[in-house]
């Protein structure tokens, strides 16, 4: 296909598609941050989801002496946690900052994976199908996919520890079969990507041998 004398190839279409997705994912990351972290008329707040065994709910947990007011809403095995603070200084604790950090990592990894895909199809559009850098890109994507559910799990652990502490109980790690599903899915996708990286590595070696023969 040609537009104004310029040939339109599938790698070119995919390259621009992934660039658009990267930008869109970046915008969604900012919007997602604003939905889980914000400031209301009553003061700053954080929100998030935890996955645990079902308990009776919803429940409102008494206000802590440090100025946090927590509400816990029950949705089966998933619970929406909202913590409101009397002021910004009450939120400046390691457990809250840790939750905010790890809660954003999956979104940042999504941007990173989309950008690596953009670079991959950019090289393909330029006729560089099997450069060594593409092997490294695919391996990076596989590692990012593995980190994705782990970051979600750690952020959920931070949030559940906050809930337990607010209840006056010892912090505990939330154990649920629902946590295993995304980890297994990520492992399966990463295995496919690592296999694809090996295909690209073999293609790179064959290309080198062909260049030496010529």
N, C-alpha and C. Protein backbone atom coordinates (compact mmCIF):
# COMPACT_ATOMS: atom_id res chain seq x y z
N UNK A 1 0.84 -1.19 0.00
CA UNK A 1 0.00 0.00 0.00
C UNK A 1 0.88 1.24 0.00
N UNK A 2 0.50 2.25 -0.82
CA UNK A 2 1.27 3.47 -0.91
C UNK A 2 0.37 4.67 -0.64
N UNK A 3 0.90 5.61 0.15
CA UNK A 3 0.22 6.88 0.40
C UNK A 3 1.20 8.00 0.07
N UNK A 4 0.86 8.75 -1.01
CA UNK A 4 1.71 9.86 -1.47
C UNK A 4 3.13 9.38 -1.73
N UNK A 5 3.24 8.25 -2.38
CA UNK A 5 4.55 7.72 -2.77
C UNK A 5 5.29 7.00 -1.66
N UNK A 6 4.72 6.92 -0.46
CA UNK A 6 5.38 6.25 0.65
C UNK A 6 4.73 4.91 0.91
N UNK A 7 5.53 3.86 0.92
CA UNK A 7 5.01 2.52 1.12
C UNK A 7 4.61 2.31 2.57
N UNK A 8 3.39 1.80 2.77
CA UNK A 8 2.90 1.51 4.12
C UNK A 8 3.03 0.01 4.35
N UNK A 9 3.87 -0.37 5.30
CA UNK A 9 4.08 -1.79 5.61
C UNK A 9 3.43 -2.12 6.95
N UNK A 10 3.26 -3.42 7.18
CA UNK A 10 2.67 -3.87 8.44
C UNK A 10 3.54 -3.47 9.64
N UNK A 11 4.88 -3.65 9.60
CA UNK A 11 5.69 -3.17 10.73
C UNK A 11 5.53 -1.68 11.00
N UNK A 12 5.36 -0.88 9.95
CA UNK A 12 5.16 0.56 10.15
C UNK A 12 3.85 0.82 10.89
N UNK A 13 2.79 0.13 10.46
CA UNK A 13 1.49 0.29 11.12
C UNK A 13 1.59 -0.13 12.58
N UNK A 14 2.24 -1.26 12.83
CA UNK A 14 2.39 -1.74 14.20
C UNK A 14 3.25 -0.80 15.03
N UNK A 15 4.29 -0.24 14.41
CA UNK A 15 5.16 0.70 15.12
C UNK A 15 4.38 1.91 15.61
N UNK A 16 3.59 2.50 14.73
CA UNK A 16 2.80 3.67 15.12
C UNK A 16 1.68 3.30 16.09
N UNK A 17 1.15 2.08 15.95
CA UNK A 17 0.12 1.62 16.87
C UNK A 17 0.67 1.51 18.28
N UNK A 18 1.85 0.92 18.42
CA UNK A 18 2.44 0.77 19.74
C UNK A 18 2.91 2.09 20.32
N UNK A 19 3.30 3.03 19.47
CA UNK A 19 3.63 4.36 19.97
C UNK A 19 2.38 5.04 20.54
N UNK A 20 1.26 4.91 19.81
CA UNK A 20 0.00 5.48 20.30
C UNK A 20 -0.43 4.82 21.61
N UNK A 21 -0.26 3.49 21.69
CA UNK A 21 -0.61 2.78 22.91
C UNK A 21 0.28 3.19 24.08
N UNK A 22 1.57 3.43 23.79
CA UNK A 22 2.49 3.87 24.84
C UNK A 22 2.06 5.21 25.41
N UNK A 23 1.71 6.14 24.53
CA UNK A 23 1.25 7.45 24.99
C UNK A 23 -0.06 7.32 25.77
N UNK A 24 -1.00 6.51 25.24
CA UNK A 24 -2.29 6.32 25.92
C UNK A 24 -2.09 5.68 27.29
N UNK A 25 -1.18 4.71 27.38
CA UNK A 25 -0.93 4.05 28.65
C UNK A 25 -0.30 5.02 29.64
N UNK A 26 0.55 5.94 29.15
CA UNK A 26 1.13 6.94 30.02
C UNK A 26 0.07 7.87 30.61
N UNK A 27 -0.88 8.26 29.76
CA UNK A 27 -1.99 9.11 30.24
C UNK A 27 -2.83 8.35 31.27
N UNK A 28 -3.12 7.06 30.99
CA UNK A 28 -3.89 6.26 31.92
C UNK A 28 -3.16 6.09 33.25
N UNK A 29 -1.83 6.00 33.20
CA UNK A 29 -1.05 5.88 34.43
C UNK A 29 -1.24 7.10 35.32
N UNK A 30 -1.22 8.29 34.70
CA UNK A 30 -1.44 9.52 35.46
C UNK A 30 -2.85 9.55 36.04
N UNK A 31 -3.84 9.18 35.21
CA UNK A 31 -5.23 9.17 35.68
C UNK A 31 -5.43 8.13 36.77
N UNK A 32 -4.77 6.98 36.63
CA UNK A 32 -4.90 5.93 37.62
C UNK A 32 -4.29 6.36 38.95
N UNK A 33 -3.18 7.08 38.89
CA UNK A 33 -2.57 7.59 40.11
C UNK A 33 -3.51 8.55 40.82
N UNK A 34 -4.20 9.39 40.05
CA UNK A 34 -5.11 10.36 40.65
C UNK A 34 -6.33 9.68 41.27
N UNK A 35 -6.68 8.49 40.79
CA UNK A 35 -7.84 7.80 41.36
C UNK A 35 -7.48 7.03 42.63
N UNK A 36 -6.21 6.68 42.81
CA UNK A 36 -5.78 5.96 44.00
C UNK A 36 -5.07 6.84 45.02
N UNK A 37 -4.80 8.05 44.62
CA UNK A 37 -4.12 9.00 45.50
C UNK A 37 -4.65 10.38 45.18
N UNK A 38 -5.16 11.08 46.19
CA UNK A 38 -5.75 12.38 45.91
C UNK A 38 -5.95 13.20 47.16
N UNK A 39 -6.68 14.28 46.98
CA UNK A 39 -6.93 15.19 48.09
C UNK A 39 -8.39 15.64 48.01
N UNK A 40 -9.14 15.40 49.07
CA UNK A 40 -10.54 15.80 49.13
C UNK A 40 -10.69 16.97 50.10
N UNK A 41 -11.94 17.37 50.32
CA UNK A 41 -12.20 18.47 51.25
C UNK A 41 -11.84 18.09 52.68
N UNK A 42 -11.80 16.77 52.96
CA UNK A 42 -11.46 16.31 54.31
C UNK A 42 -9.97 16.06 54.49
N UNK A 43 -9.20 16.17 53.40
CA UNK A 43 -7.76 15.93 53.49
C UNK A 43 -7.30 14.91 52.47
N UNK A 44 -6.01 14.58 52.45
CA UNK A 44 -5.49 13.61 51.48
C UNK A 44 -6.02 12.20 51.76
N UNK A 45 -6.01 11.35 50.72
CA UNK A 45 -6.49 9.99 50.87
C UNK A 45 -5.76 9.07 49.91
N UNK A 46 -5.77 7.78 50.22
CA UNK A 46 -5.32 6.74 49.31
C UNK A 46 -6.41 5.68 49.23
N UNK A 47 -6.50 5.01 48.08
CA UNK A 47 -7.46 3.93 47.89
C UNK A 47 -6.75 2.75 47.26
N UNK A 48 -7.29 1.57 47.45
CA UNK A 48 -6.69 0.39 46.82
C UNK A 48 -7.51 -0.84 47.11
N UNK A 49 -7.12 -1.94 46.45
CA UNK A 49 -7.83 -3.21 46.58
C UNK A 49 -6.93 -4.24 47.25
N UNK A 50 -7.54 -5.05 48.09
CA UNK A 50 -6.84 -6.21 48.67
C UNK A 50 -7.69 -7.43 48.39
N UNK A 51 -7.05 -8.58 48.27
CA UNK A 51 -7.73 -9.85 48.00
C UNK A 51 -7.42 -10.81 49.13
N UNK A 52 -8.44 -11.19 49.89
CA UNK A 52 -8.25 -12.06 51.06
C UNK A 52 -9.44 -13.00 51.16
N UNK A 53 -9.41 -13.86 52.16
CA UNK A 53 -10.58 -14.67 52.47
C UNK A 53 -11.70 -13.75 52.93
N UNK A 54 -12.93 -14.11 52.61
CA UNK A 54 -14.07 -13.25 52.89
C UNK A 54 -14.28 -13.09 54.39
N UNK A 55 -14.50 -11.85 54.81
CA UNK A 55 -14.89 -11.55 56.19
C UNK A 55 -16.15 -10.70 56.12
N UNK A 56 -16.82 -10.58 57.24
CA UNK A 56 -18.04 -9.80 57.27
C UNK A 56 -17.73 -8.33 57.01
N UNK A 57 -18.51 -7.68 56.16
CA UNK A 57 -18.29 -6.29 55.83
C UNK A 57 -19.54 -5.71 55.20
N UNK A 58 -19.56 -4.43 54.84
CA UNK A 58 -18.44 -3.52 55.04
C UNK A 58 -18.28 -3.12 56.50
N UNK A 59 -17.14 -2.59 56.81
CA UNK A 59 -16.89 -2.15 58.16
C UNK A 59 -16.12 -0.84 58.14
N UNK A 60 -16.31 -0.05 59.17
CA UNK A 60 -15.57 1.20 59.31
C UNK A 60 -14.66 1.04 60.52
N UNK A 61 -13.39 1.20 60.29
CA UNK A 61 -12.40 0.96 61.33
C UNK A 61 -12.17 2.26 62.10
N UNK A 62 -12.13 2.19 63.43
CA UNK A 62 -11.95 3.41 64.23
C UNK A 62 -10.72 4.20 63.83
N UNK A 63 -10.80 5.51 63.99
CA UNK A 63 -9.70 6.39 63.60
C UNK A 63 -8.48 6.14 64.48
N UNK A 64 -7.34 6.12 63.83
CA UNK A 64 -6.09 5.91 64.55
C UNK A 64 -5.63 7.19 65.22
N UNK A 65 -4.75 7.03 66.20
CA UNK A 65 -4.26 8.20 66.92
C UNK A 65 -3.40 9.10 66.05
N UNK A 66 -2.85 8.54 64.96
CA UNK A 66 -1.99 9.34 64.08
C UNK A 66 -2.78 10.11 63.03
N UNK A 67 -4.12 10.00 63.05
CA UNK A 67 -4.92 10.83 62.18
C UNK A 67 -5.47 10.17 60.93
N UNK A 68 -5.41 8.80 60.83
CA UNK A 68 -5.94 8.11 59.67
C UNK A 68 -7.35 7.60 59.96
N UNK A 69 -8.24 7.76 59.01
CA UNK A 69 -9.58 7.20 59.08
C UNK A 69 -9.75 6.21 57.94
N UNK A 70 -10.04 4.95 58.27
CA UNK A 70 -10.08 3.91 57.25
C UNK A 70 -11.50 3.37 57.10
N UNK A 71 -11.88 3.09 55.85
CA UNK A 71 -13.15 2.44 55.53
C UNK A 71 -12.85 1.22 54.66
N UNK A 72 -13.52 0.12 54.97
CA UNK A 72 -13.28 -1.13 54.26
C UNK A 72 -14.59 -1.61 53.67
N UNK A 73 -14.65 -1.74 52.32
CA UNK A 73 -15.86 -2.14 51.62
C UNK A 73 -15.69 -3.56 51.09
N UNK A 74 -16.70 -4.39 51.32
CA UNK A 74 -16.62 -5.80 50.97
C UNK A 74 -17.20 -6.06 49.58
N UNK A 75 -16.41 -6.76 48.72
CA UNK A 75 -16.87 -7.20 47.41
C UNK A 75 -16.45 -8.65 47.22
N UNK A 76 -17.02 -9.54 48.02
CA UNK A 76 -16.61 -10.94 47.96
C UNK A 76 -15.19 -11.09 48.47
N UNK A 77 -14.32 -11.69 47.63
CA UNK A 77 -12.93 -11.87 48.02
C UNK A 77 -12.10 -10.61 47.83
N UNK A 78 -12.67 -9.60 47.19
CA UNK A 78 -11.96 -8.34 46.97
C UNK A 78 -12.54 -7.26 47.88
N UNK A 79 -11.66 -6.46 48.45
CA UNK A 79 -12.08 -5.41 49.37
C UNK A 79 -11.47 -4.08 48.95
N UNK A 80 -12.29 -3.07 48.87
CA UNK A 80 -11.81 -1.73 48.56
C UNK A 80 -11.48 -1.03 49.87
N UNK A 81 -10.25 -0.58 49.98
CA UNK A 81 -9.78 0.10 51.19
C UNK A 81 -9.60 1.58 50.87
N UNK A 82 -10.13 2.43 51.72
CA UNK A 82 -9.94 3.87 51.58
C UNK A 82 -9.43 4.42 52.90
N UNK A 83 -8.29 5.06 52.84
CA UNK A 83 -7.69 5.65 54.04
C UNK A 83 -7.64 7.16 53.86
N UNK A 84 -8.30 7.88 54.77
CA UNK A 84 -8.30 9.34 54.73
C UNK A 84 -7.40 9.86 55.85
N UNK A 85 -6.66 10.91 55.54
CA UNK A 85 -5.69 11.45 56.49
C UNK A 85 -6.11 12.86 56.91
N UNK A 86 -5.76 13.19 58.14
CA UNK A 86 -6.09 14.53 58.63
C UNK A 86 -5.23 15.59 57.96
N UNK A 87 -4.00 15.22 57.59
CA UNK A 87 -3.12 16.13 56.86
C UNK A 87 -2.09 15.32 56.10
N UNK A 88 -1.31 15.99 55.28
CA UNK A 88 -0.33 15.31 54.42
C UNK A 88 0.75 14.62 55.23
N UNK A 89 1.14 15.18 56.36
CA UNK A 89 2.21 14.59 57.15
C UNK A 89 1.83 13.21 57.68
N UNK A 90 0.52 12.98 57.93
CA UNK A 90 0.08 11.68 58.42
C UNK A 90 0.27 10.60 57.36
N UNK A 91 0.31 10.99 56.09
CA UNK A 91 0.48 10.03 54.99
C UNK A 91 1.95 9.73 54.72
N UNK A 92 2.84 10.56 55.24
CA UNK A 92 4.27 10.39 54.97
C UNK A 92 4.88 9.32 55.87
N UNK A 93 4.37 8.11 55.76
CA UNK A 93 4.89 6.96 56.47
C UNK A 93 5.34 5.92 55.46
N UNK A 94 6.32 5.09 55.86
CA UNK A 94 6.91 4.14 54.93
C UNK A 94 5.86 3.21 54.35
N UNK A 95 4.91 2.74 55.16
CA UNK A 95 3.93 1.77 54.67
C UNK A 95 3.02 2.38 53.61
N UNK A 96 2.64 3.65 53.78
CA UNK A 96 1.79 4.30 52.79
C UNK A 96 2.57 4.64 51.51
N UNK A 97 3.77 5.16 51.69
CA UNK A 97 4.60 5.49 50.52
C UNK A 97 5.01 4.22 49.76
N UNK A 98 5.26 3.14 50.51
CA UNK A 98 5.59 1.86 49.86
C UNK A 98 4.44 1.35 49.02
N UNK A 99 3.22 1.47 49.56
CA UNK A 99 2.04 1.05 48.80
C UNK A 99 1.90 1.87 47.53
N UNK A 100 2.02 3.19 47.64
CA UNK A 100 1.87 4.08 46.48
C UNK A 100 2.91 3.73 45.41
N UNK A 101 4.16 3.48 45.83
CA UNK A 101 5.23 3.15 44.89
C UNK A 101 4.94 1.86 44.15
N UNK A 102 4.69 0.77 44.89
CA UNK A 102 4.50 -0.54 44.24
C UNK A 102 3.19 -0.61 43.47
N UNK A 103 2.21 0.21 43.87
CA UNK A 103 0.94 0.22 43.15
C UNK A 103 1.09 0.82 41.75
N UNK A 104 2.10 1.67 41.56
CA UNK A 104 2.33 2.30 40.26
C UNK A 104 3.27 1.51 39.36
N UNK A 105 4.05 0.61 39.94
CA UNK A 105 5.05 -0.13 39.15
C UNK A 105 4.43 -0.90 37.99
N UNK A 106 3.31 -1.64 38.17
CA UNK A 106 2.73 -2.35 37.01
C UNK A 106 2.38 -1.43 35.85
N UNK A 107 1.89 -0.24 36.14
CA UNK A 107 1.56 0.70 35.07
C UNK A 107 2.81 1.17 34.35
N UNK A 108 3.86 1.44 35.11
CA UNK A 108 5.13 1.86 34.49
C UNK A 108 5.72 0.72 33.66
N UNK A 109 5.57 -0.51 34.14
CA UNK A 109 6.05 -1.66 33.36
C UNK A 109 5.26 -1.80 32.06
N UNK A 110 3.97 -1.50 32.11
CA UNK A 110 3.16 -1.55 30.90
C UNK A 110 3.67 -0.57 29.86
N UNK A 111 4.01 0.65 30.31
CA UNK A 111 4.58 1.65 29.40
C UNK A 111 5.91 1.14 28.82
N UNK A 112 6.72 0.55 29.68
CA UNK A 112 8.03 0.05 29.25
C UNK A 112 7.89 -1.06 28.20
N UNK A 113 6.96 -1.99 28.42
CA UNK A 113 6.75 -3.09 27.47
C UNK A 113 6.27 -2.56 26.13
N UNK A 114 5.31 -1.63 26.16
CA UNK A 114 4.80 -1.06 24.91
C UNK A 114 5.90 -0.32 24.15
N UNK A 115 6.78 0.38 24.88
CA UNK A 115 7.87 1.10 24.23
C UNK A 115 8.86 0.12 23.58
N UNK A 116 9.14 -0.98 24.27
CA UNK A 116 10.04 -1.99 23.69
C UNK A 116 9.44 -2.60 22.43
N UNK A 117 8.11 -2.78 22.42
CA UNK A 117 7.45 -3.27 21.22
C UNK A 117 7.56 -2.26 20.08
N UNK A 118 7.42 -0.99 20.42
CA UNK A 118 7.56 0.07 19.41
C UNK A 118 8.96 0.02 18.78
N UNK A 119 10.00 -0.10 19.62
CA UNK A 119 11.37 -0.16 19.11
C UNK A 119 11.60 -1.41 18.27
N UNK A 120 10.97 -2.52 18.67
CA UNK A 120 11.11 -3.76 17.93
C UNK A 120 10.55 -3.63 16.52
N UNK A 121 9.34 -3.09 16.41
CA UNK A 121 8.73 -2.93 15.10
C UNK A 121 9.36 -1.81 14.29
N UNK A 122 9.97 -0.85 14.97
CA UNK A 122 10.71 0.19 14.24
C UNK A 122 11.88 -0.42 13.49
N UNK A 123 12.63 -1.32 14.18
CA UNK A 123 13.75 -1.98 13.51
C UNK A 123 13.27 -2.88 12.37
N UNK A 124 12.14 -3.55 12.60
CA UNK A 124 11.61 -4.41 11.54
C UNK A 124 11.19 -3.58 10.34
N UNK A 125 10.62 -2.41 10.58
CA UNK A 125 10.23 -1.53 9.48
C UNK A 125 11.44 -1.05 8.70
N UNK A 126 12.59 -0.96 9.36
CA UNK A 126 13.82 -0.53 8.70
C UNK A 126 14.59 -1.69 8.10
N UNK A 127 14.00 -2.89 8.15
CA UNK A 127 14.65 -4.05 7.57
C UNK A 127 15.61 -4.75 8.51
N UNK A 128 15.68 -4.31 9.77
CA UNK A 128 16.56 -4.93 10.77
C UNK A 128 15.72 -5.90 11.61
N UNK A 129 15.53 -7.10 11.09
CA UNK A 129 14.64 -8.04 11.76
C UNK A 129 15.34 -8.76 12.90
N UNK A 130 16.59 -9.11 12.73
CA UNK A 130 17.28 -9.92 13.73
C UNK A 130 18.52 -9.25 14.33
N UNK A 131 18.49 -7.97 14.69
CA UNK A 131 19.64 -7.42 15.38
C UNK A 131 19.72 -7.96 16.82
N UNK A 132 20.90 -7.98 17.37
CA UNK A 132 21.10 -8.49 18.72
C UNK A 132 20.28 -7.71 19.75
N UNK A 133 20.07 -6.43 19.48
CA UNK A 133 19.32 -5.60 20.42
C UNK A 133 17.88 -6.08 20.56
N UNK A 134 17.29 -6.62 19.48
CA UNK A 134 15.92 -7.12 19.57
C UNK A 134 15.81 -8.33 20.47
N UNK A 135 16.86 -9.14 20.52
CA UNK A 135 16.88 -10.28 21.45
C UNK A 135 16.83 -9.77 22.88
N UNK A 136 17.64 -8.74 23.16
CA UNK A 136 17.65 -8.16 24.51
C UNK A 136 16.32 -7.51 24.84
N UNK A 137 15.70 -6.86 23.85
CA UNK A 137 14.40 -6.21 24.10
C UNK A 137 13.34 -7.22 24.51
N UNK A 138 13.30 -8.35 23.81
CA UNK A 138 12.28 -9.36 24.12
C UNK A 138 12.54 -9.96 25.49
N UNK A 139 13.79 -10.16 25.84
CA UNK A 139 14.11 -10.68 27.18
C UNK A 139 13.72 -9.67 28.26
N UNK A 140 13.93 -8.38 27.99
CA UNK A 140 13.51 -7.36 28.96
C UNK A 140 12.01 -7.38 29.14
N UNK A 141 11.28 -7.55 28.04
CA UNK A 141 9.82 -7.60 28.14
C UNK A 141 9.38 -8.81 28.98
N UNK A 142 10.07 -9.94 28.79
CA UNK A 142 9.73 -11.14 29.56
C UNK A 142 9.97 -10.90 31.05
N UNK A 143 11.07 -10.26 31.40
CA UNK A 143 11.35 -9.96 32.80
C UNK A 143 10.33 -8.99 33.37
N UNK A 144 9.93 -8.00 32.56
CA UNK A 144 8.93 -7.03 33.03
C UNK A 144 7.60 -7.71 33.28
N UNK A 145 7.23 -8.68 32.42
CA UNK A 145 5.98 -9.42 32.62
C UNK A 145 6.02 -10.21 33.93
N UNK A 146 7.17 -10.76 34.27
CA UNK A 146 7.30 -11.51 35.53
C UNK A 146 7.18 -10.59 36.74
N UNK A 147 7.72 -9.39 36.64
CA UNK A 147 7.69 -8.45 37.77
C UNK A 147 6.28 -7.91 37.99
N UNK A 148 5.49 -7.84 36.93
CA UNK A 148 4.16 -7.23 36.97
C UNK A 148 3.29 -7.76 38.11
N UNK A 149 3.02 -9.09 38.19
CA UNK A 149 2.16 -9.58 39.28
C UNK A 149 2.83 -9.49 40.65
N UNK A 150 4.16 -9.57 40.67
CA UNK A 150 4.86 -9.47 41.96
C UNK A 150 4.68 -8.08 42.56
N UNK A 151 4.75 -7.05 41.71
CA UNK A 151 4.55 -5.69 42.20
C UNK A 151 3.12 -5.51 42.72
N UNK A 152 2.15 -6.10 42.00
CA UNK A 152 0.76 -6.05 42.47
C UNK A 152 0.61 -6.75 43.81
N UNK A 153 1.28 -7.89 43.96
CA UNK A 153 1.20 -8.63 45.21
C UNK A 153 1.82 -7.84 46.37
N UNK A 154 2.97 -7.22 46.11
CA UNK A 154 3.63 -6.46 47.17
C UNK A 154 2.80 -5.25 47.57
N UNK A 155 2.22 -4.56 46.61
CA UNK A 155 1.37 -3.41 46.94
C UNK A 155 0.16 -3.86 47.75
N UNK A 156 -0.44 -5.02 47.37
CA UNK A 156 -1.56 -5.55 48.13
C UNK A 156 -1.15 -5.94 49.53
N UNK A 157 0.08 -6.46 49.67
CA UNK A 157 0.58 -6.82 51.00
C UNK A 157 0.76 -5.58 51.87
N UNK A 158 1.31 -4.51 51.29
CA UNK A 158 1.43 -3.25 52.02
C UNK A 158 0.07 -2.79 52.52
N UNK A 159 -0.92 -2.83 51.62
CA UNK A 159 -2.25 -2.31 51.96
C UNK A 159 -2.92 -3.18 53.02
N UNK A 160 -2.80 -4.49 52.89
CA UNK A 160 -3.42 -5.37 53.88
C UNK A 160 -2.75 -5.23 55.24
N UNK A 161 -1.43 -5.02 55.27
CA UNK A 161 -0.74 -4.78 56.53
C UNK A 161 -1.23 -3.50 57.19
N UNK A 162 -1.54 -2.50 56.35
CA UNK A 162 -2.11 -1.26 56.88
C UNK A 162 -3.46 -1.51 57.52
N UNK A 163 -4.30 -2.34 56.84
CA UNK A 163 -5.62 -2.67 57.38
C UNK A 163 -5.48 -3.39 58.71
N UNK A 164 -4.58 -4.38 58.77
CA UNK A 164 -4.40 -5.15 59.99
C UNK A 164 -3.89 -4.28 61.13
N UNK A 165 -2.96 -3.39 60.83
CA UNK A 165 -2.43 -2.49 61.86
C UNK A 165 -3.51 -1.56 62.38
N UNK A 166 -4.36 -1.08 61.46
CA UNK A 166 -5.44 -0.19 61.86
C UNK A 166 -6.44 -0.90 62.75
N UNK A 167 -6.62 -2.19 62.53
CA UNK A 167 -7.53 -2.98 63.37
C UNK A 167 -6.92 -3.31 64.73
N UNK A 168 -5.63 -3.02 64.87
CA UNK A 168 -4.95 -3.39 66.10
C UNK A 168 -4.43 -4.81 66.10
N UNK A 169 -4.33 -5.42 64.90
CA UNK A 169 -3.83 -6.78 64.78
C UNK A 169 -2.42 -6.77 64.22
N UNK A 170 -1.72 -7.88 64.38
CA UNK A 170 -0.37 -7.98 63.85
C UNK A 170 -0.44 -8.05 62.33
N UNK A 171 0.43 -7.30 61.62
CA UNK A 171 0.44 -7.35 60.15
C UNK A 171 0.66 -8.77 59.65
N UNK A 172 -0.09 -9.17 58.64
CA UNK A 172 0.05 -10.51 58.07
C UNK A 172 -0.01 -10.41 56.55
N UNK A 173 0.54 -11.43 55.91
CA UNK A 173 0.56 -11.47 54.45
C UNK A 173 -0.74 -12.10 53.96
N UNK A 174 -1.47 -11.44 53.04
CA UNK A 174 -2.72 -12.02 52.55
C UNK A 174 -2.45 -13.21 51.64
N UNK A 175 -2.95 -14.38 52.04
CA UNK A 175 -2.76 -15.59 51.24
C UNK A 175 -4.10 -15.95 50.60
N UNK A 176 -4.13 -16.02 49.30
CA UNK A 176 -5.36 -16.37 48.59
C UNK A 176 -4.99 -17.03 47.28
N UNK A 177 -5.76 -18.06 46.88
CA UNK A 177 -5.51 -18.69 45.56
C UNK A 177 -5.61 -17.70 44.42
N UNK A 178 -6.37 -16.58 44.62
CA UNK A 178 -6.52 -15.60 43.55
C UNK A 178 -5.21 -14.91 43.23
N UNK A 179 -4.25 -14.93 44.18
CA UNK A 179 -2.96 -14.32 43.92
C UNK A 179 -2.11 -15.18 42.98
N UNK A 180 -2.37 -16.49 42.98
CA UNK A 180 -1.55 -17.39 42.18
C UNK A 180 -1.89 -17.30 40.69
N UNK A 181 -3.14 -16.98 40.37
CA UNK A 181 -3.56 -16.96 38.97
C UNK A 181 -2.77 -15.96 38.12
N UNK A 182 -2.65 -14.66 38.53
CA UNK A 182 -1.86 -13.74 37.69
C UNK A 182 -0.38 -14.10 37.63
N UNK A 183 0.14 -14.73 38.69
CA UNK A 183 1.55 -15.14 38.67
C UNK A 183 1.76 -16.25 37.65
N UNK A 184 0.84 -17.22 37.61
CA UNK A 184 0.94 -18.30 36.63
C UNK A 184 0.76 -17.77 35.21
N UNK A 185 -0.17 -16.84 35.03
CA UNK A 185 -0.38 -16.25 33.70
C UNK A 185 0.86 -15.51 33.24
N UNK A 186 1.47 -14.73 34.15
CA UNK A 186 2.68 -13.98 33.80
C UNK A 186 3.82 -14.94 33.46
N UNK A 187 3.93 -16.03 34.23
CA UNK A 187 4.97 -17.01 33.94
C UNK A 187 4.80 -17.64 32.57
N UNK A 188 3.57 -17.92 32.17
CA UNK A 188 3.29 -18.51 30.86
C UNK A 188 3.66 -17.53 29.74
N UNK A 189 3.25 -16.25 29.90
CA UNK A 189 3.57 -15.24 28.87
C UNK A 189 5.08 -15.03 28.79
N UNK A 190 5.75 -14.98 29.96
CA UNK A 190 7.20 -14.79 29.97
C UNK A 190 7.90 -15.95 29.28
N UNK A 191 7.40 -17.18 29.48
CA UNK A 191 8.00 -18.34 28.83
C UNK A 191 7.90 -18.23 27.32
N UNK A 192 6.75 -17.75 26.82
CA UNK A 192 6.60 -17.55 25.38
C UNK A 192 7.57 -16.50 24.86
N UNK A 193 7.73 -15.42 25.62
CA UNK A 193 8.64 -14.34 25.20
C UNK A 193 10.09 -14.80 25.21
N UNK A 194 10.49 -15.57 26.22
CA UNK A 194 11.85 -16.09 26.26
C UNK A 194 12.09 -17.03 25.08
N UNK A 195 11.07 -17.82 24.73
CA UNK A 195 11.20 -18.71 23.56
C UNK A 195 11.35 -17.89 22.28
N UNK A 196 10.57 -16.81 22.20
CA UNK A 196 10.66 -15.93 21.02
C UNK A 196 12.04 -15.27 20.95
N UNK A 197 12.59 -14.93 22.10
CA UNK A 197 13.93 -14.33 22.12
C UNK A 197 14.97 -15.31 21.58
N UNK A 198 14.79 -16.60 21.90
CA UNK A 198 15.71 -17.60 21.38
C UNK A 198 15.59 -17.73 19.86
N UNK A 199 14.37 -17.61 19.35
CA UNK A 199 14.18 -17.63 17.89
C UNK A 199 14.92 -16.46 17.24
N UNK A 200 14.79 -15.28 17.83
CA UNK A 200 15.47 -14.11 17.30
C UNK A 200 16.98 -14.26 17.42
N UNK A 201 17.44 -14.85 18.52
CA UNK A 201 18.89 -15.06 18.69
C UNK A 201 19.42 -16.00 17.62
N UNK A 202 18.66 -17.07 17.35
CA UNK A 202 19.08 -18.02 16.31
C UNK A 202 19.06 -17.33 14.94
N UNK A 203 18.05 -16.49 14.69
CA UNK A 203 17.99 -15.76 13.44
C UNK A 203 19.17 -14.80 13.28
N UNK A 204 19.58 -14.19 14.40
CA UNK A 204 20.74 -13.29 14.37
C UNK A 204 22.01 -14.05 14.00
N UNK A 205 22.17 -15.26 14.57
CA UNK A 205 23.35 -16.07 14.26
C UNK A 205 23.36 -16.50 12.80
N UNK A 206 22.20 -16.90 12.28
CA UNK A 206 22.13 -17.29 10.87
C UNK A 206 22.42 -16.11 9.96
N UNK A 207 21.94 -14.93 10.35
CA UNK A 207 22.19 -13.73 9.55
C UNK A 207 23.68 -13.39 9.53
N UNK A 208 24.35 -13.57 10.68
CA UNK A 208 25.79 -13.32 10.74
C UNK A 208 26.55 -14.30 9.85
N UNK A 209 26.15 -15.58 9.91
CA UNK A 209 26.81 -16.57 9.09
C UNK A 209 26.61 -16.29 7.60
N UNK A 210 25.41 -15.83 7.25
CA UNK A 210 25.14 -15.49 5.85
C UNK A 210 25.98 -14.31 5.40
N UNK A 211 26.11 -13.29 6.27
CA UNK A 211 26.92 -12.12 5.93
C UNK A 211 28.39 -12.50 5.75
N UNK A 212 28.90 -13.42 6.60
CA UNK A 212 30.28 -13.85 6.47
C UNK A 212 30.48 -14.66 5.18
N UNK A 213 29.47 -15.44 4.80
CA UNK A 213 29.55 -16.23 3.57
C UNK A 213 29.61 -15.32 2.33
N UNK A 214 28.78 -14.26 2.37
CA UNK A 214 28.77 -13.32 1.25
C UNK A 214 30.07 -12.54 1.19
